[in-house]
Every structure is written in structure tokens, then in C-alpha cells.
Amino acid sequence: MPRKTNTEKRDGKGRGRGASTERRTPRPKPKIDFTVDALDYKNTNLLRQFVTDQGRILPRKYTGLPAHYQRRLNRAIKRARQMLLMK
């Protein structure tokens, strides 16, 4: 039986970049309306916005924060967990 060539393998289905005609709508990125000083482990109301219901920290892809804000956010959330201010 002859092998299939690349043109025969493609049937329009699958995980290729241009295969699907539907586009995903991107998640809305929140505007940064706080200062670096507000990123504190005691400010649990602010920190809860960046944690899922299961307690996972949202990645930069979804938060839209700059890298240095995200690192401070992670540190503050982990400190708040250690102090039993957050779950």
C-alpha cells in the first residue's frame, strides 16, 4: 500500500493553526488600577481577585500584569496563605 503524502493527509480537520474558522474570544484583561504598594499580603480583597475558586494563582496571561507585578503578587498571595489570611 503506498504511503500518503502531506497533501493527502490533510483533510481540513485537526489541530492546525488555520484549520478552524471559529476564533476564540480573548479573555478581557483587567486594567491595573493599583500601585505596587497596594500589593501586600494584608490586602486580601485585592489578592482574591487574582486567585481562582480552587485557590490557584492566575497566570500573567489572564491577569495582564507586568512581570514584576506578577512576581510581587505571587509572593504576597503565598505570604497571605502562610499567615492563614487566605486559603
PDB file of N, CA and C in Angstrom:
ATOM      1  N   MET A   1       0.841  -1.172   0.000  1.00  0.00           N
ATOM      2  CA  MET A   1       0.000   0.000   0.000  1.00  0.00           C
ATOM      3  C   MET A   1       0.892   1.243   0.000  1.00  0.00           C
ATOM      4  N   PRO A   2       0.661   2.204  -0.889  1.00  0.00           N
ATOM      5  CA  PRO A   2       1.520   3.387  -0.954  1.00  0.00           C
ATOM      6  C   PRO A   2       1.266   4.312   0.233  1.00  0.00           C
ATOM      7  N   ARG A   3       2.347   5.014   0.624  1.00  0.00           N
ATOM      8  CA  ARG A   3       2.241   5.958   1.733  1.00  0.00           C
ATOM      9  C   ARG A   3       1.490   7.208   1.314  1.00  0.00           C
ATOM     10  N   LYS A   4       0.822   7.807   2.271  1.00  0.00           N
ATOM     11  CA  LYS A   4       0.106   9.047   1.979  1.00  0.00           C
ATOM     12  C   LYS A   4       1.092  10.207   1.971  1.00  0.00           C
ATOM     13  N   THR A   5       0.897  11.111   1.098  1.00  0.00           N
ATOM     14  CA  THR A   5       1.740  12.310   1.072  1.00  0.00           C
ATOM     15  C   THR A   5       1.117  13.368   1.965  1.00  0.00           C
ATOM     16  N   ASN A   6       1.824  14.451   2.149  1.00  0.00           N
ATOM     17  CA  ASN A   6       1.324  15.512   3.021  1.00  0.00           C
ATOM     18  C   ASN A   6       0.002  16.092   2.525  1.00  0.00           C
ATOM     19  N   THR A   7      -0.162  16.191   1.230  1.00  0.00           N
ATOM     20  CA  THR A   7      -1.403  16.770   0.705  1.00  0.00           C
ATOM     21  C   THR A   7      -2.574  15.831   0.923  1.00  0.00           C
ATOM     22  N   GLU A   8      -2.312  14.537   0.929  1.00  0.00           N
ATOM     23  CA  GLU A   8      -3.400  13.584   1.148  1.00  0.00           C
ATOM     24  C   GLU A   8      -3.776  13.489   2.621  1.00  0.00           C
ATOM     25  N   LYS A   9      -2.809  13.723   3.513  1.00  0.00           N
ATOM     26  CA  LYS A   9      -3.082  13.613   4.939  1.00  0.00           C
ATOM     27  C   LYS A   9      -4.016  14.705   5.425  1.00  0.00           C
ATOM     28  N   ARG A  10      -3.875  15.882   4.885  1.00  0.00           N
ATOM     29  CA  ARG A  10      -4.703  16.996   5.341  1.00  0.00           C
ATOM     30  C   ARG A  10      -6.109  16.878   4.789  1.00  0.00           C
ATOM     31  N   ASP A  11      -7.045  16.900   5.717  1.00  0.00           N
ATOM     32  CA  ASP A  11      -8.436  16.849   5.290  1.00  0.00           C
ATOM     33  C   ASP A  11      -9.223  18.027   5.857  1.00  0.00           C
ATOM     34  N   GLY A  12      -8.524  18.997   6.410  1.00  0.00           N
ATOM     35  CA  GLY A  12      -9.206  20.167   6.945  1.00  0.00           C
ATOM     36  C   GLY A  12      -9.586  20.030   8.398  1.00  0.00           C
ATOM     37  N   LYS A  13      -9.380  18.856   8.973  1.00  0.00           N
ATOM     38  CA  LYS A  13      -9.698  18.638  10.381  1.00  0.00           C
ATOM     39  C   LYS A  13      -8.396  18.544  11.154  1.00  0.00           C
ATOM     40  N   GLY A  14      -8.492  18.730  12.437  1.00  0.00           N
ATOM     41  CA  GLY A  14      -7.306  18.566  13.253  1.00  0.00           C
ATOM     42  C   GLY A  14      -6.945  19.829  13.992  1.00  0.00           C
ATOM     43  N   ARG A  15      -5.692  19.855  14.412  1.00  0.00           N
ATOM     44  CA  ARG A  15      -5.263  20.928  15.289  1.00  0.00           C
ATOM     45  C   ARG A  15      -4.385  21.959  14.600  1.00  0.00           C
ATOM     46  N   GLY A  16      -4.429  22.033  13.319  1.00  0.00           N
ATOM     47  CA  GLY A  16      -3.606  23.003  12.614  1.00  0.00           C
ATOM     48  C   GLY A  16      -4.033  24.421  12.919  1.00  0.00           C
ATOM     49  N   ARG A  17      -3.139  25.362  12.697  1.00  0.00           N
ATOM     50  CA  ARG A  17      -3.452  26.755  13.022  1.00  0.00           C
ATOM     51  C   ARG A  17      -4.613  27.303  12.213  1.00  0.00           C
ATOM     52  N   GLY A  18      -4.623  27.057  10.937  1.00  0.00           N
ATOM     53  CA  GLY A  18      -5.670  27.626  10.105  1.00  0.00           C
ATOM     54  C   GLY A  18      -6.830  26.688   9.864  1.00  0.00           C
ATOM     55  N   ALA A  19      -6.897  25.602  10.609  1.00  0.00           N
ATOM     56  CA  ALA A  19      -7.912  24.595  10.343  1.00  0.00           C
ATOM     57  C   ALA A  19      -9.314  25.061  10.743  1.00  0.00           C
ATOM     58  N   SER A  20      -9.426  25.699  11.896  1.00  0.00           N
ATOM     59  CA  SER A  20     -10.768  26.074  12.338  1.00  0.00           C
ATOM     60  C   SER A  20     -11.095  27.489  11.887  1.00  0.00           C
ATOM     61  N   THR A  21     -12.330  27.676  11.545  1.00  0.00           N
ATOM     62  CA  THR A  21     -12.766  29.004  11.116  1.00  0.00           C
ATOM     63  C   THR A  21     -13.250  29.828  12.300  1.00  0.00           C
ATOM     64  N   GLU A  22     -13.568  29.173  13.424  1.00  0.00           N
ATOM     65  CA  GLU A  22     -14.033  29.893  14.601  1.00  0.00           C
ATOM     66  C   GLU A  22     -12.834  30.441  15.360  1.00  0.00           C
ATOM     67  N   ARG A  23     -12.953  31.669  15.801  1.00  0.00           N
ATOM     68  CA  ARG A  23     -11.889  32.286  16.579  1.00  0.00           C
ATOM     69  C   ARG A  23     -12.336  32.374  18.031  1.00  0.00           C
ATOM     70  N   ARG A  24     -11.423  32.118  18.918  1.00  0.00           N
ATOM     71  CA  ARG A  24     -11.738  32.255  20.335  1.00  0.00           C
ATOM     72  C   ARG A  24     -11.749  33.733  20.707  1.00  0.00           C
ATOM     73  N   THR A  25     -12.655  34.070  21.581  1.00  0.00           N
ATOM     74  CA  THR A  25     -12.655  35.448  22.063  1.00  0.00           C
ATOM     75  C   THR A  25     -11.673  35.528  23.223  1.00  0.00           C
ATOM     76  N   PRO A  26     -10.763  36.462  23.199  1.00  0.00           N
ATOM     77  CA  PRO A  26      -9.784  36.543  24.279  1.00  0.00           C
ATOM     78  C   PRO A  26     -10.421  37.018  25.576  1.00  0.00           C
ATOM     79  N   ARG A  27      -9.860  36.558  26.681  1.00  0.00           N
ATOM     80  CA  ARG A  27     -10.358  36.997  27.979  1.00  0.00           C
ATOM     81  C   ARG A  27     -10.063  38.478  28.153  1.00  0.00           C
ATOM     82  N   PRO A  28     -10.977  39.211  28.723  1.00  0.00           N
ATOM     83  CA  PRO A  28     -10.689  40.631  28.954  1.00  0.00           C
ATOM     84  C   PRO A  28      -9.609  40.775  30.019  1.00  0.00           C
ATOM     85  N   LYS A  29      -8.608  41.584  29.725  1.00  0.00           N
ATOM     86  CA  LYS A  29      -7.529  41.787  30.673  1.00  0.00           C
ATOM     87  C   LYS A  29      -7.874  42.966  31.573  1.00  0.00           C
ATOM     88  N   PRO A  30      -7.722  42.777  32.868  1.00  0.00           N
ATOM     89  CA  PRO A  30      -8.085  43.871  33.780  1.00  0.00           C
ATOM     90  C   PRO A  30      -7.087  45.012  33.689  1.00  0.00           C
ATOM     91  N   LYS A  31      -7.582  46.210  33.882  1.00  0.00           N
ATOM     92  CA  LYS A  31      -6.709  47.370  33.935  1.00  0.00           C
ATOM     93  C   LYS A  31      -6.027  47.400  35.299  1.00  0.00           C
ATOM     94  N   ILE A  32      -4.782  47.801  35.305  1.00  0.00           N
ATOM     95  CA  ILE A  32      -4.038  47.871  36.558  1.00  0.00           C
ATOM     96  C   ILE A  32      -4.437  49.170  37.252  1.00  0.00           C
ATOM     97  N   ASP A  33      -5.264  49.046  38.276  1.00  0.00           N
ATOM     98  CA  ASP A  33      -5.754  50.235  38.967  1.00  0.00           C
ATOM     99  C   ASP A  33      -5.252  50.286  40.406  1.00  0.00           C
ATOM    100  N   PHE A  34      -4.073  49.715  40.633  1.00  0.00           N
ATOM    101  CA  PHE A  34      -3.487  49.752  41.961  1.00  0.00           C
ATOM    102  C   PHE A  34      -1.985  49.971  41.822  1.00  0.00           C
ATOM    103  N   THR A  35      -1.379  50.364  42.900  1.00  0.00           N
ATOM    104  CA  THR A  35       0.058  50.593  42.886  1.00  0.00           C
ATOM    105  C   THR A  35       0.777  49.375  43.435  1.00  0.00           C
ATOM    106  N   VAL A  36       2.081  49.379  43.315  1.00  0.00           N
ATOM    107  CA  VAL A  36       2.869  48.258  43.834  1.00  0.00           C
ATOM    108  C   VAL A  36       2.758  48.215  45.350  1.00  0.00           C
ATOM    109  N   ASP A  37       2.578  49.373  45.967  1.00  0.00           N
ATOM    110  CA  ASP A  37       2.444  49.415  47.424  1.00  0.00           C
ATOM    111  C   ASP A  37       1.174  48.704  47.897  1.00  0.00           C
ATOM    112  N   ALA A  38       0.147  48.678  47.060  1.00  0.00           N
ATOM    113  CA  ALA A  38      -1.103  48.010  47.433  1.00  0.00           C
ATOM    114  C   ALA A  38      -0.961  46.494  47.393  1.00  0.00           C
ATOM    115  N   LEU A  39       0.067  45.983  46.689  1.00  0.00           N
ATOM    116  CA  LEU A  39       0.305  44.537  46.651  1.00  0.00           C
ATOM    117  C   LEU A  39       0.973  44.129  47.957  1.00  0.00           C
ATOM    118  N   ASP A  40       0.149  43.858  48.948  1.00  0.00           N
ATOM    119  CA  ASP A  40       0.642  43.484  50.258  1.00  0.00           C
ATOM    120  C   ASP A  40      -0.126  42.259  50.716  1.00  0.00           C
ATOM    121  N   TYR A  41       0.501  41.424  51.513  1.00  0.00           N
ATOM    122  CA  TYR A  41      -0.164  40.198  51.948  1.00  0.00           C
ATOM    123  C   TYR A  41      -1.366  40.488  52.829  1.00  0.00           C
ATOM    124  N   LYS A  42      -1.447  41.684  53.415  1.00  0.00           N
ATOM    125  CA  LYS A  42      -2.580  42.036  54.271  1.00  0.00           C
ATOM    126  C   LYS A  42      -3.794  42.495  53.468  1.00  0.00           C
ATOM    127  N   ASN A  43      -3.599  42.846  52.206  1.00  0.00           N
ATOM    128  CA  ASN A  43      -4.685  43.334  51.354  1.00  0.00           C
ATOM    129  C   ASN A  43      -5.349  42.135  50.657  1.00  0.00           C
ATOM    130  N   THR A  44      -6.122  41.371  51.406  1.00  0.00           N
ATOM    131  CA  THR A  44      -6.671  40.123  50.876  1.00  0.00           C
ATOM    132  C   THR A  44      -7.781  40.366  49.852  1.00  0.00           C
ATOM    133  N   ASN A  45      -8.481  41.482  49.954  1.00  0.00           N
ATOM    134  CA  ASN A  45      -9.534  41.768  48.970  1.00  0.00           C
ATOM    135  C   ASN A  45      -8.950  41.898  47.568  1.00  0.00           C
ATOM    136  N   LEU A  46      -7.809  42.548  47.463  1.00  0.00           N
ATOM    137  CA  LEU A  46      -7.146  42.688  46.172  1.00  0.00           C
ATOM    138  C   LEU A  46      -6.573  41.351  45.703  1.00  0.00           C
ATOM    139  N   LEU A  47      -5.979  40.601  46.617  1.00  0.00           N
ATOM    140  CA  LEU A  47      -5.339  39.336  46.248  1.00  0.00           C
ATOM    141  C   LEU A  47      -6.352  38.294  45.778  1.00  0.00           C
ATOM    142  N   ARG A  48      -7.553  38.334  46.328  1.00  0.00           N
ATOM    143  CA  ARG A  48      -8.574  37.347  45.944  1.00  0.00           C
ATOM    144  C   ARG A  48      -9.020  37.503  44.491  1.00  0.00           C
ATOM    145  N   GLN A  49      -8.809  38.670  43.899  1.00  0.00           N
ATOM    146  CA  GLN A  49      -9.178  38.879  42.502  1.00  0.00           C
ATOM    147  C   GLN A  49      -8.281  38.080  41.563  1.00  0.00           C
ATOM    148  N   PHE A  50      -7.094  37.709  42.039  1.00  0.00           N
ATOM    149  CA  PHE A  50      -6.115  37.032  41.207  1.00  0.00           C
ATOM    150  C   PHE A  50      -5.969  35.559  41.560  1.00  0.00           C
ATOM    151  N   VAL A  51      -6.954  35.010  42.271  1.00  0.00           N
ATOM    152  CA  VAL A  51      -6.942  33.606  42.664  1.00  0.00           C
ATOM    153  C   VAL A  51      -8.263  32.983  42.229  1.00  0.00           C
ATOM    154  N   THR A  52      -8.214  31.750  41.709  1.00  0.00           N
ATOM    155  CA  THR A  52      -9.436  31.067  41.299  1.00  0.00           C
ATOM    156  C   THR A  52     -10.185  30.559  42.527  1.00  0.00           C
ATOM    157  N   ASP A  53     -11.359  29.981  42.283  1.00  0.00           N
ATOM    158  CA  ASP A  53     -12.155  29.427  43.379  1.00  0.00           C
ATOM    159  C   ASP A  53     -11.450  28.249  44.039  1.00  0.00           C
ATOM    160  N   GLN A  54     -10.636  27.529  43.262  1.00  0.00           N
ATOM    161  CA  GLN A  54      -9.894  26.393  43.803  1.00  0.00           C
ATOM    162  C   GLN A  54      -8.633  26.836  44.547  1.00  0.00           C
ATOM    163  N   GLY A  55      -8.285  28.122  44.456  1.00  0.00           N
ATOM    164  CA  GLY A  55      -7.119  28.628  45.161  1.00  0.00           C
ATOM    165  C   GLY A  55      -5.870  28.739  44.314  1.00  0.00           C
ATOM    166  N   ARG A  56      -6.003  28.571  43.022  1.00  0.00           N
ATOM    167  CA  ARG A  56      -4.834  28.660  42.150  1.00  0.00           C
ATOM    168  C   ARG A  56      -4.588  30.105  41.743  1.00  0.00           C
ATOM    169  N   ILE A  57      -3.322  30.465  41.669  1.00  0.00           N
ATOM    170  CA  ILE A  57      -2.951  31.814  41.267  1.00  0.00           C
ATOM    171  C   ILE A  57      -3.071  31.924  39.754  1.00  0.00           C
ATOM    172  N   LEU A  58      -3.751  32.953  39.272  1.00  0.00           N
ATOM    173  CA  LEU A  58      -3.926  33.135  37.834  1.00  0.00           C
ATOM    174  C   LEU A  58      -2.600  33.527  37.182  1.00  0.00           C
ATOM    175  N   PRO A  59      -2.301  32.996  36.007  1.00  0.00           N
ATOM    176  CA  PRO A  59      -1.056  33.349  35.334  1.00  0.00           C
ATOM    177  C   PRO A  59      -1.116  34.731  34.699  1.00  0.00           C
ATOM    178  N   ARG A  60       0.026  35.212  34.280  1.00  0.00           N
ATOM    179  CA  ARG A  60       0.131  36.539  33.654  1.00  0.00           C
ATOM    180  C   ARG A  60      -0.717  36.641  32.406  1.00  0.00           C
ATOM    181  N   LYS A  61      -0.888  35.525  31.738  1.00  0.00           N
ATOM    182  CA  LYS A  61      -1.688  35.502  30.511  1.00  0.00           C
ATOM    183  C   LYS A  61      -3.097  36.017  30.765  1.00  0.00           C
ATOM    184  N   TYR A  62      -3.647  35.688  31.931  1.00  0.00           N
ATOM    185  CA  TYR A  62      -5.014  36.096  32.254  1.00  0.00           C
ATOM    186  C   TYR A  62      -5.066  37.388  33.060  1.00  0.00           C
ATOM    187  N   THR A  63      -4.058  37.624  33.893  1.00  0.00           N
ATOM    188  CA  THR A  63      -4.102  38.828  34.712  1.00  0.00           C
ATOM    189  C   THR A  63      -3.702  40.059  33.920  1.00  0.00           C
ATOM    190  N   GLY A  64      -2.809  39.898  32.961  1.00  0.00           N
ATOM    191  CA  GLY A  64      -2.348  41.028  32.176  1.00  0.00           C
ATOM    192  C   GLY A  64      -1.388  41.934  32.924  1.00  0.00           C
ATOM    193  N   LEU A  65      -0.827  41.436  34.007  1.00  0.00           N
ATOM    194  CA  LEU A  65       0.090  42.240  34.802  1.00  0.00           C
ATOM    195  C   LEU A  65       1.503  42.172  34.226  1.00  0.00           C
ATOM    196  N   PRO A  66       2.291  43.215  34.439  1.00  0.00           N
ATOM    197  CA  PRO A  66       3.705  43.132  34.072  1.00  0.00           C
ATOM    198  C   PRO A  66       4.415  42.099  34.948  1.00  0.00           C
ATOM    199  N   ALA A  67       5.574  41.666  34.513  1.00  0.00           N
ATOM    200  CA  ALA A  67       6.272  40.574  35.197  1.00  0.00           C
ATOM    201  C   ALA A  67       6.615  40.921  36.639  1.00  0.00           C
ATOM    202  N   HIS A  68       7.086  42.134  36.896  1.00  0.00           N
ATOM    203  CA  HIS A  68       7.478  42.468  38.265  1.00  0.00           C
ATOM    204  C   HIS A  68       6.262  42.587  39.174  1.00  0.00           C
ATOM    205  N   TYR A  69       5.105  42.984  38.649  1.00  0.00           N
ATOM    206  CA  TYR A  69       3.871  42.983  39.442  1.00  0.00           C
ATOM    207  C   TYR A  69       3.432  41.554  39.734  1.00  0.00           C
ATOM    208  N   GLN A  70       3.538  40.681  38.744  1.00  0.00           N
ATOM    209  CA  GLN A  70       3.108  39.297  38.920  1.00  0.00           C
ATOM    210  C   GLN A  70       3.966  38.589  39.970  1.00  0.00           C
ATOM    211  N   ARG A  71       5.267  38.867  39.966  1.00  0.00           N
ATOM    212  CA  ARG A  71       6.143  38.244  40.964  1.00  0.00           C
ATOM    213  C   ARG A  71       5.792  38.719  42.372  1.00  0.00           C
ATOM    214  N   ARG A  72       5.529  40.016  42.508  1.00  0.00           N
ATOM    215  CA  ARG A  72       5.126  40.534  43.824  1.00  0.00           C
ATOM    216  C   ARG A  72       3.767  39.991  44.243  1.00  0.00           C
ATOM    217  N   LEU A  73       2.884  39.834  43.268  1.00  0.00           N
ATOM    218  CA  LEU A  73       1.558  39.277  43.553  1.00  0.00           C
ATOM    219  C   LEU A  73       1.683  37.845  44.069  1.00  0.00           C
ATOM    220  N   ASN A  74       2.507  37.033  43.392  1.00  0.00           N
ATOM    221  CA  ASN A  74       2.706  35.646  43.827  1.00  0.00           C
ATOM    222  C   ASN A  74       3.267  35.589  45.238  1.00  0.00           C
ATOM    223  N   ARG A  75       4.247  36.439  45.506  1.00  0.00           N
ATOM    224  CA  ARG A  75       4.864  36.468  46.829  1.00  0.00           C
ATOM    225  C   ARG A  75       3.846  36.873  47.892  1.00  0.00           C
ATOM    226  N   ALA A  76       3.013  37.862  47.580  1.00  0.00           N
ATOM    227  CA  ALA A  76       2.018  38.336  48.549  1.00  0.00           C
ATOM    228  C   ALA A  76       0.955  37.273  48.809  1.00  0.00           C
ATOM    229  N   ILE A  77       0.516  36.577  47.764  1.00  0.00           N
ATOM    230  CA  ILE A  77      -0.500  35.529  47.940  1.00  0.00           C
ATOM    231  C   ILE A  77       0.057  34.393  48.782  1.00  0.00           C
ATOM    232  N   LYS A  78       1.289  34.004  48.514  1.00  0.00           N
ATOM    233  CA  LYS A  78       1.892  32.904  49.278  1.00  0.00           C
ATOM    234  C   LYS A  78       2.116  33.292  50.735  1.00  0.00           C
ATOM    235  N   ARG A  79       2.464  34.548  50.985  1.00  0.00           N
ATOM    236  CA  ARG A  79       2.615  35.007  52.362  1.00  0.00           C
ATOM    237  C   ARG A  79       1.279  35.027  53.069  1.00  0.00           C
ATOM    238  N   ALA A  80       0.241  35.481  52.377  1.00  0.00           N
ATOM    239  CA  ALA A  80      -1.084  35.529  52.981  1.00  0.00           C
ATOM    240  C   ALA A  80      -1.575  34.115  53.319  1.00  0.00           C
ATOM    241  N   ARG A  81      -1.215  33.153  52.493  1.00  0.00           N
ATOM    242  CA  ARG A  81      -1.584  31.758  52.789  1.00  0.00           C
ATOM    243  C   ARG A  81      -0.851  31.267  54.021  1.00  0.00           C
ATOM    244  N   GLN A  82       0.428  31.610  54.132  1.00  0.00           N
ATOM    245  CA  GLN A  82       1.213  31.179  55.301  1.00  0.00           C
ATOM    246  C   GLN A  82       0.666  31.786  56.595  1.00  0.00           C
ATOM    247  N   MET A  83       0.191  33.016  56.509  1.00  0.00           N
ATOM    248  CA  MET A  83      -0.366  33.691  57.684  1.00  0.00           C
ATOM    249  C   MET A  83      -1.815  33.291  57.944  1.00  0.00           C
ATOM    250  N   LEU A  84      -2.355  32.410  57.116  1.00  0.00           N
ATOM    251  CA  LEU A  84      -3.739  31.925  57.213  1.00  0.00           C
ATOM    252  C   LEU A  84      -4.756  33.041  57.002  1.00  0.00           C
ATOM    253  N   LEU A  85      -4.389  34.030  56.191  1.00  0.00           N
ATOM    254  CA  LEU A  85      -5.333  35.074  55.817  1.00  0.00           C
ATOM    255  C   LEU A  85      -6.136  34.664  54.602  1.00  0.00           C
ATOM    256  N   MET A  86      -5.574  33.757  53.803  1.00  0.00           N
ATOM    257  CA  MET A  86      -6.241  33.249  52.583  1.00  0.00           C
ATOM    258  C   MET A  86      -6.105  31.743  52.545  1.00  0.00           C
ATOM    259  N   LYS A  87      -6.978  31.129  51.754  1.00  0.00           N
ATOM    260  CA  LYS A  87      -6.854  29.682  51.518  1.00  0.00           C
ATOM    261  C   LYS A  87      -6.280  29.442  50.159  1.00  0.00           C
TER     262      LYS A  87
END
